[in-house]
Amino acid sequence: MKCRACKNKAVIRLPSHNSAFCPECFDRFTLSQTKKAIDDYGMITAGDHVLVAVSGGKDSLALWDILTRLGYRTTGFHLDLGIGEYSAESRGHVEAFASRHGLPLVVESLRDSVNGSVTDIAQATRRPACSGCGMSKRYFFNKVALATNATVLATGHNLDDEASRLFGNLLHWHDEYLAKNRPDLPAISGLAKKVKPLVRLTEKEMAAYAFLRKIPYVVKECPHSIDAKQILFKKVLGEIEAASPGTKHAFLFGYLDRISRWYPEAPGEQEEEEAPTGRCEQCGEISWTPVCSFCRMKEKVARELSRQEEFR
């Protein structure tokens, strides 16, 4: 198997592109695909300060590496979810990467903020752990972006993530989510723009990039994601992709090409209508309601911990 670009020995085959690449050409391919996504959707400009949400997995660490190599000013942000060894390993990889490359990093601890972990939040709210995790991440993304004067928040969602998310939203006709199922969400009410620069690259390609760049990352999945529906959606799309290479790309980008017909308002118009108008009375962060959802969740955790203490 030879590299499509230089004819040297290839190390990765990409059926969806009908090509294969050697390490050097694959590296250029990865950077160019990321830059194309950034340029096509106007995600980042030269003057932006990018807050990169870094979980400790391959995608987010690879994204931080790529954006740094492309010359953007970045700061990493990691939220320690307090999930035992999994969170300890994830945080270790993020801190090691930042130290090795001399990059600024902000770390927040969910346990310090809520007096509990994602598991405690799930027990207190009687909802799946992923619900409390997602809410916490959104809260801290906005909070840290404001604190660091970041103009853009970048996450490591790849093509597989976004295609499976779209698949799930279409299966259940989640209209409220479909309008926002795109890789660029504009800034509103002082909150940073949110972008997904890896949207053109697959999970397999990001794993290969991390391997070739020698980026250590946490390999195991979050313990709470075992029954997540998105894993099933990824599996189904993966089987279709294996039989018909390029399907995931055609599915996602076909939708993005047509989104203006389905949602005729200008990009960002809907978000502006739903923009937060005040500050949380408890934490002081930008909020849609007098007391933000994160602070309401903290109250539930506190009540649950108090109740547990009574029965001890």
Protein backbone atom coordinates (compact mmCIF):
# COMPACT_ATOMS: atom_id res chain seq x y z
CA MET A 1 0.00 0.00 0.00
CA LYS A 2 1.53 3.28 -1.18
CA CYS A 3 0.89 6.85 -0.13
CA ARG A 4 -1.39 8.63 -2.55
CA ALA A 5 0.60 11.84 -2.30
CA CYS A 6 4.25 10.79 -2.38
CA LYS A 7 4.16 7.05 -3.26
CA ASN A 8 6.15 6.07 -0.17
CA LYS A 9 4.91 3.29 2.09
CA ALA A 10 1.52 4.18 3.57
CA VAL A 11 0.65 3.59 7.22
CA ILE A 12 -3.07 4.42 7.14
CA ARG A 13 -5.78 3.68 4.62
CA LEU A 14 -8.79 5.99 4.30
CA PRO A 15 -11.49 4.27 2.22
CA SER A 16 -13.83 7.27 2.45
CA HIS A 17 -11.19 9.33 0.60
CA ASN A 18 -10.13 6.40 -1.62
CA SER A 19 -6.56 6.99 -0.48
CA ALA A 20 -3.75 6.02 1.86
CA PHE A 21 -0.98 8.13 3.42
CA CYS A 22 2.52 7.87 4.83
CA PRO A 23 3.09 9.52 8.24
CA GLU A 24 4.26 12.84 6.82
CA CYS A 25 1.48 13.17 4.26
CA PHE A 26 -1.17 12.05 6.76
CA ASP A 27 0.04 14.77 9.12
CA ARG A 28 -0.39 17.38 6.37
CA PHE A 29 -3.81 15.90 5.50
CA THR A 30 -4.99 16.19 9.12
CA LEU A 31 -3.86 19.79 9.47
CA SER A 32 -5.34 20.75 6.11
CA GLN A 33 -8.72 19.16 6.90
CA THR A 34 -8.86 21.02 10.21
CA LYS A 35 -7.90 24.30 8.57
CA LYS A 36 -10.51 23.76 5.84
CA ALA A 37 -13.24 23.30 8.48
CA ILE A 38 -12.07 26.44 10.29
CA ASP A 39 -12.05 28.49 7.09
CA ASP A 40 -15.28 27.10 5.62
CA TYR A 41 -17.28 27.96 8.73
CA GLY A 42 -15.33 31.03 9.84
CA MET A 43 -14.57 29.35 13.16
CA ILE A 44 -11.39 31.15 14.22
CA THR A 45 -9.57 34.28 13.11
CA ALA A 46 -5.95 35.23 13.65
CA GLY A 47 -6.83 37.57 16.52
CA ASP A 48 -8.95 35.09 18.48
CA HIS A 49 -8.04 33.62 21.84
CA VAL A 50 -9.19 30.00 21.76
CA LEU A 51 -10.18 28.11 24.91
CA VAL A 52 -9.74 24.42 24.09
CA ALA A 53 -11.89 22.04 26.15
CA VAL A 54 -9.53 19.15 26.89
CA SER A 55 -10.91 15.97 28.43
CA GLY A 56 -7.74 13.88 28.28
CA GLY A 57 -8.95 11.80 25.35
CA LYS A 58 -7.36 11.56 21.91
CA ASP A 59 -9.65 14.02 20.12
CA SER A 60 -9.34 16.98 22.46
CA LEU A 61 -5.59 16.60 22.99
CA ALA A 62 -5.06 16.20 19.24
CA LEU A 63 -7.17 19.32 18.65
CA TRP A 64 -5.08 21.35 21.10
CA ASP A 65 -1.93 20.11 19.37
CA ILE A 66 -3.27 20.95 15.90
CA LEU A 67 -4.52 24.43 16.79
CA THR A 68 -1.19 25.23 18.41
CA ARG A 69 0.70 24.03 15.34
CA LEU A 70 -1.58 26.12 13.11
CA GLY A 71 -0.47 29.19 15.06
CA TYR A 72 -3.60 30.02 17.04
CA ARG A 73 -3.38 31.44 20.55
CA THR A 74 -4.79 28.76 22.85
CA THR A 75 -5.51 28.06 26.50
CA GLY A 76 -6.54 24.60 27.63
CA PHE A 77 -9.41 23.93 30.00
CA HIS A 78 -9.99 20.67 31.86
CA LEU A 79 -12.91 19.82 34.13
CA ASP A 80 -12.05 17.11 36.67
CA LEU A 81 -15.29 15.13 36.96
CA GLY A 82 -14.24 13.24 40.09
CA ILE A 83 -14.78 9.76 38.60
CA GLY A 84 -12.06 7.89 40.48
CA GLU A 85 -9.10 6.54 38.50
CA TYR A 86 -10.66 7.52 35.19
CA SER A 87 -10.66 11.23 36.06
CA ALA A 88 -7.23 11.04 37.70
CA GLU A 89 -5.72 9.52 34.54
CA SER A 90 -7.53 11.99 32.28
CA ARG A 91 -6.31 14.97 34.28
CA GLY A 92 -2.78 13.56 34.35
CA HIS A 93 -2.60 13.35 30.56
CA VAL A 94 -3.91 16.91 30.14
CA GLU A 95 -1.49 18.40 32.67
CA ALA A 96 1.43 16.44 31.17
CA PHE A 97 0.58 17.68 27.65
CA ALA A 98 0.35 21.31 28.79
CA SER A 99 3.62 21.06 30.69
CA ARG A 100 5.43 19.34 27.83
CA HIS A 101 4.42 22.03 25.32
CA GLY A 102 4.52 25.01 27.67
CA LEU A 103 0.85 25.83 27.14
CA PRO A 104 -1.48 27.63 29.61
CA LEU A 105 -4.04 25.39 31.29
CA VAL A 106 -7.01 26.04 33.57
CA VAL A 107 -8.31 23.15 35.68
CA GLU A 108 -11.58 23.13 37.62
CA SER A 109 -12.76 20.39 39.97
CA LEU A 110 -16.42 19.41 39.96
CA ARG A 111 -16.04 17.94 43.43
CA ASP A 112 -14.70 21.25 44.76
CA SER A 113 -17.58 23.18 43.18
CA VAL A 114 -20.50 20.86 43.94
CA ASN A 115 -19.11 18.89 46.88
CA GLY A 116 -19.63 15.77 44.80
CA SER A 117 -18.79 13.92 41.60
CA VAL A 118 -20.82 13.24 38.46
CA THR A 119 -22.05 10.09 40.21
CA ASP A 120 -23.32 12.12 43.18
CA ILE A 121 -25.07 14.53 40.82
CA ALA A 122 -26.84 11.63 39.08
CA GLN A 123 -28.05 10.26 42.42
CA ALA A 124 -29.24 13.66 43.64
CA THR A 125 -31.06 14.65 40.43
CA ARG A 126 -32.37 11.15 39.62
CA ARG A 127 -31.17 11.65 36.07
CA PRO A 128 -28.49 9.91 33.95
CA ALA A 129 -24.91 10.89 34.79
CA CYS A 130 -24.42 12.25 31.27
CA SER A 131 -27.12 14.87 31.92
CA GLY A 132 -25.36 16.37 34.95
CA CYS A 133 -21.99 16.06 33.21
CA GLY A 134 -23.20 17.96 30.15
CA MET A 135 -24.78 20.70 32.24
CA SER A 136 -21.61 21.08 34.31
CA LYS A 137 -19.40 21.27 31.25
CA ARG A 138 -21.55 23.95 29.63
CA TYR A 139 -21.49 25.99 32.81
CA PHE A 140 -17.73 25.82 33.23
CA PHE A 141 -17.04 26.32 29.52
CA ASN A 142 -18.87 29.66 29.66
CA LYS A 143 -17.43 30.62 33.05
CA VAL A 144 -13.79 29.92 32.15
CA ALA A 145 -14.11 31.46 28.67
CA LEU A 146 -15.29 34.69 30.28
CA ALA A 147 -12.61 34.55 32.98
CA THR A 148 -9.80 34.06 30.45
CA ASN A 149 -11.22 36.54 27.88
CA ALA A 150 -11.43 33.75 25.32
CA THR A 151 -13.36 34.68 22.19
CA VAL A 152 -13.79 31.11 20.94
CA LEU A 153 -14.43 27.81 22.70
CA ALA A 154 -13.23 24.78 20.73
CA THR A 155 -14.21 21.18 21.48
CA GLY A 156 -12.81 17.96 20.03
CA HIS A 157 -16.00 16.59 18.49
CA ASN A 158 -15.11 14.67 15.32
CA LEU A 159 -17.07 13.54 12.27
CA ASP A 160 -18.29 10.36 14.00
CA ASP A 161 -19.55 12.36 17.00
CA GLU A 162 -21.44 14.88 14.90
CA ALA A 163 -22.90 12.35 12.46
CA SER A 164 -24.17 10.15 15.31
CA ARG A 165 -25.60 13.20 17.10
CA LEU A 166 -27.43 14.23 13.94
CA PHE A 167 -28.64 10.65 13.47
CA GLY A 168 -30.11 10.58 16.97
CA ASN A 169 -31.74 13.98 16.62
CA LEU A 170 -33.35 12.98 13.33
CA LEU A 171 -34.52 9.60 14.64
CA HIS A 172 -36.40 11.35 17.43
CA TRP A 173 -37.11 14.59 15.50
CA HIS A 174 -35.55 16.81 18.15
CA ASP A 175 -36.28 20.05 16.31
CA GLU A 176 -34.87 22.16 19.14
CA TYR A 177 -31.49 20.47 18.72
CA LEU A 178 -31.43 20.11 14.94
CA ALA A 179 -31.10 23.87 14.41
CA LYS A 180 -27.94 23.82 16.54
CA ASN A 181 -26.54 20.64 15.01
CA ARG A 182 -23.70 22.42 13.26
CA PRO A 183 -19.99 22.93 13.95
CA ASP A 184 -20.19 26.66 14.65
CA LEU A 185 -22.46 28.39 17.15
CA PRO A 186 -22.08 32.17 17.27
CA ALA A 187 -21.24 34.21 20.35
CA ILE A 188 -24.26 35.50 22.27
CA SER A 189 -24.58 37.89 25.22
CA GLY A 190 -20.85 37.96 25.81
CA LEU A 191 -20.47 34.17 25.73
CA ALA A 192 -17.74 32.82 23.46
CA LYS A 193 -18.39 31.39 20.02
CA LYS A 194 -18.43 27.55 20.11
CA VAL A 195 -16.71 25.59 17.34
CA LYS A 196 -15.77 22.03 16.38
CA PRO A 197 -12.71 22.17 14.11
CA LEU A 198 -12.34 18.35 13.81
CA VAL A 199 -15.72 17.94 12.13
CA ARG A 200 -14.14 16.74 8.86
CA LEU A 201 -12.00 14.06 10.55
CA THR A 202 -13.05 10.64 11.86
CA GLU A 203 -12.36 8.98 15.18
CA LYS A 204 -9.98 6.57 13.44
CA GLU A 205 -8.05 9.44 11.89
CA MET A 206 -7.72 11.23 15.24
CA ALA A 207 -6.46 8.04 16.90
CA ALA A 208 -3.86 7.70 14.14
CA TYR A 209 -2.83 11.33 14.53
CA ALA A 210 -2.38 10.97 18.30
CA PHE A 211 -0.36 7.78 17.80
CA LEU A 212 1.93 9.27 15.15
CA ARG A 213 2.40 12.46 17.19
CA LYS A 214 3.12 10.36 20.31
CA ILE A 215 0.36 12.02 22.34
CA PRO A 216 -0.54 9.89 25.40
CA TYR A 217 -4.26 9.93 26.18
CA VAL A 218 -6.84 8.07 28.26
CA VAL A 219 -7.97 5.09 26.20
CA LYS A 220 -10.90 3.76 28.20
CA GLU A 221 -14.34 5.28 27.87
CA CYS A 222 -16.05 7.12 30.70
CA PRO A 223 -17.63 4.51 33.01
CA HIS A 224 -20.96 6.32 32.75
CA SER A 225 -21.09 6.19 28.95
CA ILE A 226 -21.60 2.43 28.68
CA ASP A 227 -25.33 2.65 27.96
CA ALA A 228 -25.24 5.99 26.14
CA LYS A 229 -27.45 5.98 23.04
CA GLN A 230 -24.80 7.79 21.01
CA ILE A 231 -22.55 4.72 21.21
CA LEU A 232 -25.32 2.69 19.57
CA PHE A 233 -25.80 5.35 16.90
CA LYS A 234 -22.04 5.36 16.21
CA LYS A 235 -22.06 1.58 15.86
CA VAL A 236 -24.93 1.64 13.37
CA LEU A 237 -23.35 4.39 11.28
CA GLY A 238 -20.01 2.57 11.47
CA GLU A 239 -21.55 -0.54 9.93
CA ILE A 240 -23.09 1.50 7.13
CA GLU A 241 -19.76 3.29 6.59
CA ALA A 242 -17.91 -0.03 6.31
CA ALA A 243 -20.28 -1.14 3.55
CA SER A 244 -20.38 2.27 1.85
CA PRO A 245 -17.30 4.41 2.61
CA GLY A 246 -18.01 8.13 2.73
CA THR A 247 -21.58 7.77 3.99
CA LYS A 248 -20.99 9.57 7.31
CA HIS A 249 -19.40 12.54 5.56
CA ALA A 250 -22.20 12.70 2.97
CA PHE A 251 -24.85 12.41 5.70
CA LEU A 252 -23.49 15.16 7.94
CA PHE A 253 -22.35 17.62 5.31
CA GLY A 254 -25.45 17.03 3.21
CA TYR A 255 -27.44 18.16 6.22
CA LEU A 256 -25.19 21.18 6.80
CA ASP A 257 -25.59 22.18 3.16
CA ARG A 258 -29.37 22.05 3.51
CA ILE A 259 -29.79 23.52 6.98
CA SER A 260 -30.52 27.01 5.65
CA ARG A 261 -33.60 25.66 3.83
CA TRP A 262 -34.97 24.01 6.96
CA TYR A 263 -34.07 26.86 9.31
CA PRO A 264 -34.30 30.01 7.15
CA GLU A 265 -33.33 32.42 9.96
CA ALA A 266 -29.80 33.75 9.71
CA PRO A 267 -27.12 31.81 11.65
CA GLY A 268 -27.22 32.94 15.22
CA GLU A 269 -30.65 34.59 14.98
CA GLN A 270 -32.35 31.85 16.97
CA GLU A 271 -29.60 31.91 19.57
CA GLU A 272 -29.98 35.67 19.97
CA GLU A 273 -33.70 35.25 20.59
CA GLU A 274 -32.91 32.70 23.33
CA ALA A 275 -29.93 34.61 24.71
CA PRO A 276 -29.48 34.93 28.48
CA THR A 277 -30.54 38.30 29.79
CA GLY A 278 -29.14 38.42 33.32
CA ARG A 279 -26.85 37.01 35.96
CA CYS A 280 -27.41 34.15 38.38
CA GLU A 281 -28.34 35.46 41.82
CA GLN A 282 -26.10 32.88 43.48
CA CYS A 283 -22.92 32.51 41.39
CA GLY A 284 -23.05 35.72 39.34
CA GLU A 285 -22.51 33.99 36.00
CA ILE A 286 -24.53 34.80 32.86
CA SER A 287 -27.86 32.99 33.16
CA TRP A 288 -31.19 32.47 31.41
CA THR A 289 -33.01 32.35 34.78
CA PRO A 290 -32.67 34.14 38.15
CA VAL A 291 -30.86 31.09 39.54
CA CYS A 292 -28.87 29.16 36.92
CA SER A 293 -29.38 25.44 36.31
CA PHE A 294 -25.93 24.65 37.72
CA CYS A 295 -26.68 26.33 41.06
CA ARG A 296 -30.06 24.60 41.22
CA MET A 297 -28.24 21.32 40.68
CA LYS A 298 -25.79 22.18 43.48
CA GLU A 299 -28.74 22.70 45.81
CA LYS A 300 -30.11 19.25 44.96
CA VAL A 301 -26.73 17.64 45.65
CA ALA A 302 -26.48 19.46 48.98
CA ARG A 303 -29.96 18.29 49.99
CA GLU A 304 -29.16 14.71 49.00
CA LEU A 305 -25.89 14.71 50.95
CA SER A 306 -27.71 16.17 53.96
CA ARG A 307 -30.38 13.47 53.71
CA GLN A 308 -27.71 10.75 53.57
CA GLU A 309 -26.07 12.16 56.66
CA GLU A 310 -29.36 11.94 58.56
CA PHE A 311 -29.59 8.21 57.90
CA ARG A 312 -26.04 7.42 58.98
